[in-house]
Amino acid sequence: MHAETLPAVSTAQPDVKLSGDVFGALINLSGRRRFTSQRVVLYSVLASLGHDGADKTARDTLAAFRDAHVTLVQGKQGLPGIFCQQLRDAYFGTMRGDQIIRDFIALAESTLDAIGTTSRRAPALLDELVRSATPLLTVLNALTLVYEEQSKRHALLQRRQMQELMGDIKTIARQARMVAFNAQVVAARAGDVGREFAVVASTMTNVTGEIDALVQTALEGSLAY
């Protein structure tokens, strides 16, 4: 059995930036493969029973399943393809996710072709397709779990980076506040000559206070998230 309907695997697209929206799309697309794989099997069975439109529905669903897999592996439509070692292991390591999916697609195509031509092989192929549905679903569930884990890891990394950035801003604001305080002292000693300088130093103190408040709000928000 050969899966020649899918293009050869290429590298992930390096220009795609990972984000919460991208991970949401990846998880959704991976999750939909579970539904479409079962739908392919169901409508293949219905096609074998002669239901009108079942063959077309099965083929259309299989095309959607194939396209989702190619998108997730190779990347397109703003999605990155395989972007980490965990996914590469899941698709091409011991789980053999890519090969199992390709074999399912090839088997489904052969089954539908056999049903369409009333081939003697149709019952045996359909039986094999039905039996492959459960182990395939296990693989698809595992692959979706990898995407979910990577999404959580990415979100945690983003929170840490934000907290580090806010910490740096807070340090700078504290240093600026010290400079403003020293400037106010100097301005006070200068009397009337330093009055305008004192106003500037006071404004700078207020600004650093506002920065502290904004930083604290951002930090609390990132922790709550």
C-alpha atoms as a PDB file:
ATOM      1  CA  MET A   1       0.000   0.000   0.000  1.00  0.00           C
ATOM      2  CA  HIS A   2       1.502   3.347  -1.031  1.00  0.00           C
ATOM      3  CA  ALA A   3       0.608   6.904  -0.043  1.00  0.00           C
ATOM      4  CA  GLU A   4       1.661   8.662  -3.231  1.00  0.00           C
ATOM      5  CA  THR A   5      -1.162  11.196  -3.064  1.00  0.00           C
ATOM      6  CA  LEU A   6       0.730  13.402  -0.626  1.00  0.00           C
ATOM      7  CA  PRO A   7       3.734  15.534  -1.572  1.00  0.00           C
ATOM      8  CA  ALA A   8       7.106  14.800  -0.045  1.00  0.00           C
ATOM      9  CA  VAL A   9       7.744  16.313   3.349  1.00  0.00           C
ATOM     10  CA  SER A  10       9.486  19.696   3.306  1.00  0.00           C
ATOM     11  CA  THR A  11      10.884  21.829   6.095  1.00  0.00           C
ATOM     12  CA  ALA A  12       8.725  24.122   8.185  1.00  0.00           C
ATOM     13  CA  GLN A  13       8.214  27.693   7.022  1.00  0.00           C
ATOM     14  CA  PRO A  14      10.713  29.809   8.985  1.00  0.00           C
ATOM     15  CA  ASP A  15       8.942  33.153   8.421  1.00  0.00           C
ATOM     16  CA  VAL A  16       5.845  32.217  10.445  1.00  0.00           C
ATOM     17  CA  LYS A  17       5.841  33.734  13.914  1.00  0.00           C
ATOM     18  CA  LEU A  18       4.300  31.560  16.614  1.00  0.00           C
ATOM     19  CA  SER A  19       1.516  33.257  18.550  1.00  0.00           C
ATOM     20  CA  GLY A  20      -1.607  32.415  20.490  1.00  0.00           C
ATOM     21  CA  ASP A  21      -3.689  32.721  17.327  1.00  0.00           C
ATOM     22  CA  VAL A  22      -1.340  30.426  15.391  1.00  0.00           C
ATOM     23  CA  PHE A  23      -1.445  27.795  18.119  1.00  0.00           C
ATOM     24  CA  GLY A  24      -5.227  28.037  18.239  1.00  0.00           C
ATOM     25  CA  ALA A  25      -5.388  27.399  14.493  1.00  0.00           C
ATOM     26  CA  LEU A  26      -2.973  24.464  14.757  1.00  0.00           C
ATOM     27  CA  ILE A  27      -4.925  22.824  17.574  1.00  0.00           C
ATOM     28  CA  ASN A  28      -8.217  23.353  15.745  1.00  0.00           C
ATOM     29  CA  LEU A  29      -6.874  21.931  12.476  1.00  0.00           C
ATOM     30  CA  SER A  30      -5.306  18.954  14.211  1.00  0.00           C
ATOM     31  CA  GLY A  31      -8.497  18.306  16.145  1.00  0.00           C
ATOM     32  CA  ARG A  32     -10.599  18.434  12.990  1.00  0.00           C
ATOM     33  CA  ARG A  33      -8.558  15.590  11.523  1.00  0.00           C
ATOM     34  CA  ARG A  34     -10.119  13.330  14.136  1.00  0.00           C
ATOM     35  CA  PHE A  35     -13.631  14.213  12.996  1.00  0.00           C
ATOM     36  CA  THR A  36     -12.876  14.057   9.277  1.00  0.00           C
ATOM     37  CA  SER A  37     -11.111  10.685   9.532  1.00  0.00           C
ATOM     38  CA  GLN A  38     -14.193   9.131  11.128  1.00  0.00           C
ATOM     39  CA  ARG A  39     -16.427  10.834   8.575  1.00  0.00           C
ATOM     40  CA  VAL A  40     -14.377   9.325   5.743  1.00  0.00           C
ATOM     41  CA  VAL A  41     -14.952   5.841   7.160  1.00  0.00           C
ATOM     42  CA  LEU A  42     -18.659   6.427   7.757  1.00  0.00           C
ATOM     43  CA  TYR A  43     -19.364   7.663   4.240  1.00  0.00           C
ATOM     44  CA  SER A  44     -17.222   4.950   2.714  1.00  0.00           C
ATOM     45  CA  VAL A  45     -19.489   2.423   4.420  1.00  0.00           C
ATOM     46  CA  LEU A  46     -22.549   4.295   3.181  1.00  0.00           C
ATOM     47  CA  ALA A  47     -21.090   4.386  -0.335  1.00  0.00           C
ATOM     48  CA  SER A  48     -20.670   0.615  -0.231  1.00  0.00           C
ATOM     49  CA  LEU A  49     -24.371   0.372   0.618  1.00  0.00           C
ATOM     50  CA  GLY A  50     -25.290   2.494  -2.379  1.00  0.00           C
ATOM     51  CA  HIS A  51     -26.367   5.690  -0.614  1.00  0.00           C
ATOM     52  CA  ASP A  52     -26.673   8.616  -3.004  1.00  0.00           C
ATOM     53  CA  GLY A  53     -23.910  11.195  -2.638  1.00  0.00           C
ATOM     54  CA  ALA A  54     -21.972   9.128  -0.118  1.00  0.00           C
ATOM     55  CA  ASP A  55     -19.019   8.561  -2.448  1.00  0.00           C
ATOM     56  CA  LYS A  56     -18.647  12.286  -3.182  1.00  0.00           C
ATOM     57  CA  THR A  57     -18.955  13.197   0.489  1.00  0.00           C
ATOM     58  CA  ALA A  58     -16.337  10.615   1.409  1.00  0.00           C
ATOM     59  CA  ARG A  59     -13.921  11.898  -1.253  1.00  0.00           C
ATOM     60  CA  ASP A  60     -14.483  15.553  -0.346  1.00  0.00           C
ATOM     61  CA  THR A  61     -13.916  14.786   3.315  1.00  0.00           C
ATOM     62  CA  LEU A  62     -10.803  12.788   2.491  1.00  0.00           C
ATOM     63  CA  ALA A  63      -9.480  15.746   0.469  1.00  0.00           C
ATOM     64  CA  ALA A  64     -10.037  18.021   3.486  1.00  0.00           C
ATOM     65  CA  PHE A  65      -8.304  15.500   5.745  1.00  0.00           C
ATOM     66  CA  ARG A  66      -5.344  15.294   3.338  1.00  0.00           C
ATOM     67  CA  ASP A  67      -5.074  19.074   3.043  1.00  0.00           C
ATOM     68  CA  ALA A  68      -5.119  19.499   6.833  1.00  0.00           C
ATOM     69  CA  HIS A  69      -2.310  16.985   7.206  1.00  0.00           C
ATOM     70  CA  VAL A  70      -0.158  18.616   4.523  1.00  0.00           C
ATOM     71  CA  THR A  71      -0.737  22.026   6.118  1.00  0.00           C
ATOM     72  CA  LEU A  72       0.231  20.799   9.571  1.00  0.00           C
ATOM     73  CA  VAL A  73       3.357  19.011   8.350  1.00  0.00           C
ATOM     74  CA  GLN A  74       4.623  21.378   5.676  1.00  0.00           C
ATOM     75  CA  GLY A  75       3.016  24.660   6.618  1.00  0.00           C
ATOM     76  CA  LYS A  76       0.906  27.065   4.589  1.00  0.00           C
ATOM     77  CA  GLN A  77      -1.866  29.631   5.015  1.00  0.00           C
ATOM     78  CA  GLY A  78       0.106  31.334   7.793  1.00  0.00           C
ATOM     79  CA  LEU A  79       0.834  28.113   9.675  1.00  0.00           C
ATOM     80  CA  PRO A  80       4.414  26.990  10.335  1.00  0.00           C
ATOM     81  CA  GLY A  81       4.425  23.254   9.638  1.00  0.00           C
ATOM     82  CA  ILE A  82       6.606  21.188  11.952  1.00  0.00           C
ATOM     83  CA  PHE A  83       8.346  23.751  14.152  1.00  0.00           C
ATOM     84  CA  CYS A  84       9.825  21.761  17.041  1.00  0.00           C
ATOM     85  CA  GLN A  85      11.518  18.468  17.828  1.00  0.00           C
ATOM     86  CA  GLN A  86       8.515  17.143  19.754  1.00  0.00           C
ATOM     87  CA  LEU A  87       6.332  17.377  16.651  1.00  0.00           C
ATOM     88  CA  ARG A  88       9.048  15.904  14.450  1.00  0.00           C
ATOM     89  CA  ASP A  89       9.306  12.946  16.827  1.00  0.00           C
ATOM     90  CA  ALA A  90       5.512  12.522  16.847  1.00  0.00           C
ATOM     91  CA  TYR A  91       5.233  12.558  13.062  1.00  0.00           C
ATOM     92  CA  PHE A  92       8.435  10.775  12.080  1.00  0.00           C
ATOM     93  CA  GLY A  93       9.614   9.028  15.255  1.00  0.00           C
ATOM     94  CA  THR A  94       8.288   5.966  17.041  1.00  0.00           C
ATOM     95  CA  MET A  95       4.660   7.119  16.776  1.00  0.00           C
ATOM     96  CA  ARG A  96       4.973   7.214  12.974  1.00  0.00           C
ATOM     97  CA  GLY A  97       2.144   9.740  12.764  1.00  0.00           C
ATOM     98  CA  ASP A  98       2.908  10.890   9.239  1.00  0.00           C
ATOM     99  CA  GLN A  99       3.183   7.375   7.814  1.00  0.00           C
ATOM    100  CA  ILE A 100       0.048   6.127   9.543  1.00  0.00           C
ATOM    101  CA  ILE A 101      -1.943   9.089   8.226  1.00  0.00           C
ATOM    102  CA  ARG A 102      -0.559   8.640   4.713  1.00  0.00           C
ATOM    103  CA  ASP A 103      -1.409   4.944   4.805  1.00  0.00           C
ATOM    104  CA  PHE A 104      -4.955   5.749   5.886  1.00  0.00           C
ATOM    105  CA  ILE A 105      -5.369   8.207   3.010  1.00  0.00           C
ATOM    106  CA  ALA A 106      -4.054   5.696   0.506  1.00  0.00           C
ATOM    107  CA  LEU A 107      -6.300   2.957   1.913  1.00  0.00           C
ATOM    108  CA  ALA A 108      -9.355   5.218   1.820  1.00  0.00           C
ATOM    109  CA  GLU A 109      -8.663   6.135  -1.800  1.00  0.00           C
ATOM    110  CA  SER A 110      -8.230   2.501  -2.775  1.00  0.00           C
ATOM    111  CA  THR A 111     -11.406   1.555  -0.932  1.00  0.00           C
ATOM    112  CA  LEU A 112     -13.486   4.247  -2.608  1.00  0.00           C
ATOM    113  CA  ASP A 113     -12.072   3.359  -6.020  1.00  0.00           C
ATOM    114  CA  ALA A 114     -12.890  -0.309  -5.445  1.00  0.00           C
ATOM    115  CA  ILE A 115     -16.421   0.538  -4.296  1.00  0.00           C
ATOM    116  CA  GLY A 116     -16.919   2.782  -7.302  1.00  0.00           C
ATOM    117  CA  THR A 117     -15.888   0.056  -9.734  1.00  0.00           C
ATOM    118  CA  THR A 118     -17.660  -2.716  -7.755  1.00  0.00           C
ATOM    119  CA  SER A 119     -14.337  -4.506  -7.462  1.00  0.00           C
ATOM    120  CA  ARG A 120     -14.162  -7.828  -5.637  1.00  0.00           C
ATOM    121  CA  ARG A 121     -11.562  -6.249  -3.369  1.00  0.00           C
ATOM    122  CA  ALA A 122     -14.037  -3.657  -2.085  1.00  0.00           C
ATOM    123  CA  PRO A 123     -15.375  -5.613   0.944  1.00  0.00           C
ATOM    124  CA  ALA A 124     -11.884  -6.544   2.177  1.00  0.00           C
ATOM    125  CA  LEU A 125     -10.574  -3.004   1.710  1.00  0.00           C
ATOM    126  CA  LEU A 126     -13.601  -1.518   3.453  1.00  0.00           C
ATOM    127  CA  ASP A 127     -13.141  -3.907   6.366  1.00  0.00           C
ATOM    128  CA  GLU A 128      -9.495  -2.873   6.631  1.00  0.00           C
ATOM    129  CA  LEU A 129     -10.466   0.795   6.497  1.00  0.00           C
ATOM    130  CA  VAL A 130     -13.007   0.361   9.295  1.00  0.00           C
ATOM    131  CA  ARG A 131     -10.464  -1.481  11.439  1.00  0.00           C
ATOM    132  CA  SER A 132      -7.870   1.236  10.882  1.00  0.00           C
ATOM    133  CA  ALA A 133     -10.165   3.969  12.217  1.00  0.00           C
ATOM    134  CA  THR A 134      -9.595   3.326  15.931  1.00  0.00           C
ATOM    135  CA  PRO A 135      -5.769   3.117  15.912  1.00  0.00           C
ATOM    136  CA  LEU A 136      -5.683   6.169  13.631  1.00  0.00           C
ATOM    137  CA  LEU A 137      -7.849   8.072  16.086  1.00  0.00           C
ATOM    138  CA  THR A 138      -5.391   7.213  18.867  1.00  0.00           C
ATOM    139  CA  VAL A 139      -2.537   8.682  16.820  1.00  0.00           C
ATOM    140  CA  LEU A 140      -4.523  11.807  15.940  1.00  0.00           C
ATOM    141  CA  ASN A 141      -5.418  12.351  19.598  1.00  0.00           C
ATOM    142  CA  ALA A 142      -1.744  12.056  20.549  1.00  0.00           C
ATOM    143  CA  LEU A 143      -0.714  14.527  17.839  1.00  0.00           C
ATOM    144  CA  THR A 144      -3.321  17.053  18.960  1.00  0.00           C
ATOM    145  CA  LEU A 145      -2.051  16.688  22.524  1.00  0.00           C
ATOM    146  CA  VAL A 146       1.451  17.646  21.341  1.00  0.00           C
ATOM    147  CA  TYR A 147       0.078  20.852  19.831  1.00  0.00           C
ATOM    148  CA  GLU A 148      -1.761  21.635  23.062  1.00  0.00           C
ATOM    149  CA  GLU A 149       1.379  21.043  25.133  1.00  0.00           C
ATOM    150  CA  GLN A 150       3.441  23.260  22.829  1.00  0.00           C
ATOM    151  CA  SER A 151       0.803  25.983  23.103  1.00  0.00           C
ATOM    152  CA  LYS A 152       0.979  25.895  26.907  1.00  0.00           C
ATOM    153  CA  ARG A 153       4.775  25.967  26.800  1.00  0.00           C
ATOM    154  CA  HIS A 154       4.733  28.940  24.429  1.00  0.00           C
ATOM    155  CA  ALA A 155       2.266  30.832  26.628  1.00  0.00           C
ATOM    156  CA  LEU A 156       4.440  30.200  29.701  1.00  0.00           C
ATOM    157  CA  LEU A 157       7.538  31.436  27.858  1.00  0.00           C
ATOM    158  CA  GLN A 158       5.693  34.567  26.739  1.00  0.00           C
ATOM    159  CA  ARG A 159       4.614  35.303  30.318  1.00  0.00           C
ATOM    160  CA  ARG A 160       8.164  34.882  31.579  1.00  0.00           C
ATOM    161  CA  GLN A 161       9.530  37.181  28.891  1.00  0.00           C
ATOM    162  CA  MET A 162       6.908  39.797  29.706  1.00  0.00           C
ATOM    163  CA  GLN A 163       7.695  39.598  33.400  1.00  0.00           C
ATOM    164  CA  GLU A 164      11.406  40.001  32.671  1.00  0.00           C
ATOM    165  CA  LEU A 165      10.707  42.992  30.428  1.00  0.00           C
ATOM    166  CA  MET A 166       8.457  44.594  33.011  1.00  0.00           C
ATOM    167  CA  GLY A 167      11.143  44.001  35.621  1.00  0.00           C
ATOM    168  CA  ASP A 168      13.694  45.800  33.463  1.00  0.00           C
ATOM    169  CA  ILE A 169      11.318  48.726  32.934  1.00  0.00           C
ATOM    170  CA  LYS A 170      10.656  48.900  36.664  1.00  0.00           C
ATOM    171  CA  THR A 171      14.392  49.018  37.371  1.00  0.00           C
ATOM    172  CA  ILE A 172      14.864  51.833  34.877  1.00  0.00           C
ATOM    173  CA  ALA A 173      11.935  53.737  36.382  1.00  0.00           C
ATOM    174  CA  ARG A 174      13.413  53.354  39.867  1.00  0.00           C
ATOM    175  CA  GLN A 175      16.750  54.704  38.670  1.00  0.00           C
ATOM    176  CA  ALA A 176      15.011  57.610  36.937  1.00  0.00           C
ATOM    177  CA  ARG A 177      13.108  58.373  40.144  1.00  0.00           C
ATOM    178  CA  MET A 178      16.376  58.555  42.077  1.00  0.00           C
ATOM    179  CA  VAL A 179      17.780  60.944  39.488  1.00  0.00           C
ATOM    180  CA  ALA A 180      14.628  63.078  39.722  1.00  0.00           C
ATOM    181  CA  PHE A 181      14.874  63.162  43.526  1.00  0.00           C
ATOM    182  CA  ASN A 182      18.499  64.265  43.391  1.00  0.00           C
ATOM    183  CA  ALA A 183      17.540  66.885  40.826  1.00  0.00           C
ATOM    184  CA  GLN A 184      14.858  68.239  43.150  1.00  0.00           C
ATOM    185  CA  VAL A 185      17.397  68.506  45.949  1.00  0.00           C
ATOM    186  CA  VAL A 186      19.768  70.419  43.692  1.00  0.00           C
ATOM    187  CA  ALA A 187      16.957  72.654  42.492  1.00  0.00           C
ATOM    188  CA  ALA A 188      15.900  73.418  46.062  1.00  0.00           C
ATOM    189  CA  ARG A 189      19.426  74.474  46.956  1.00  0.00           C
ATOM    190  CA  ALA A 190      19.560  76.745  43.913  1.00  0.00           C
ATOM    191  CA  GLY A 191      16.555  78.728  45.134  1.00  0.00           C
ATOM    192  CA  ASP A 192      14.695  80.842  42.566  1.00  0.00           C
ATOM    193  CA  VAL A 193      17.238  79.990  39.886  1.00  0.00           C
ATOM    194  CA  GLY A 194      16.369  76.307  40.101  1.00  0.00           C
ATOM    195  CA  ARG A 195      12.589  76.749  40.212  1.00  0.00           C
ATOM    196  CA  GLU A 196      11.952  75.703  36.607  1.00  0.00           C
ATOM    197  CA  PHE A 197      14.331  72.807  36.975  1.00  0.00           C
ATOM    198  CA  ALA A 198      12.397  71.705  40.048  1.00  0.00           C
ATOM    199  CA  VAL A 199       9.170  71.619  38.046  1.00  0.00           C
ATOM    200  CA  VAL A 200      10.804  69.343  35.464  1.00  0.00           C
ATOM    201  CA  ALA A 201      12.204  67.083  38.187  1.00  0.00           C
ATOM    202  CA  SER A 202       8.775  66.883  39.851  1.00  0.00           C
ATOM    203  CA  THR A 203       7.128  65.964  36.545  1.00  0.00           C
ATOM    204  CA  MET A 204       9.731  63.268  36.012  1.00  0.00           C
ATOM    205  CA  THR A 205       8.924  61.848  39.459  1.00  0.00           C
ATOM    206  CA  ASN A 206       5.226  61.710  38.586  1.00  0.00           C
ATOM    207  CA  VAL A 207       5.968  59.998  35.269  1.00  0.00           C
ATOM    208  CA  THR A 208       8.083  57.312  36.930  1.00  0.00           C
ATOM    209  CA  GLY A 209       5.282  56.750  39.414  1.00  0.00           C
ATOM    210  CA  GLU A 210       2.833  56.197  36.575  1.00  0.00           C
ATOM    211  CA  ILE A 211       5.285  53.790  34.939  1.00  0.00           C
ATOM    212  CA  ASP A 212       5.492  51.801  38.180  1.00  0.00           C
ATOM    213  CA  ALA A 213       1.701  51.566  38.321  1.00  0.00           C
ATOM    214  CA  LEU A 214       1.466  50.408  34.691  1.00  0.00           C
ATOM    215  CA  VAL A 215       4.214  47.838  35.195  1.00  0.00           C
ATOM    216  CA  GLN A 216       2.491  46.474  38.300  1.00  0.00           C
ATOM    217  CA  THR A 217      -0.802  46.177  36.419  1.00  0.00           C
ATOM    218  CA  ALA A 218       0.898  44.368  33.528  1.00  0.00           C
ATOM    219  CA  LEU A 219       2.651  41.966  35.886  1.00  0.00           C
ATOM    220  CA  GLU A 220      -0.568  41.171  37.753  1.00  0.00           C
ATOM    221  CA  GLY A 221      -2.335  40.590  34.440  1.00  0.00           C
ATOM    222  CA  SER A 222       0.352  38.209  33.168  1.00  0.00           C
ATOM    223  CA  LEU A 223       0.290  36.228  36.412  1.00  0.00           C
ATOM    224  CA  ALA A 224      -3.511  35.981  36.316  1.00  0.00           C
ATOM    225  CA  TYR A 225      -3.358  34.743  32.726  1.00  0.00           C
END
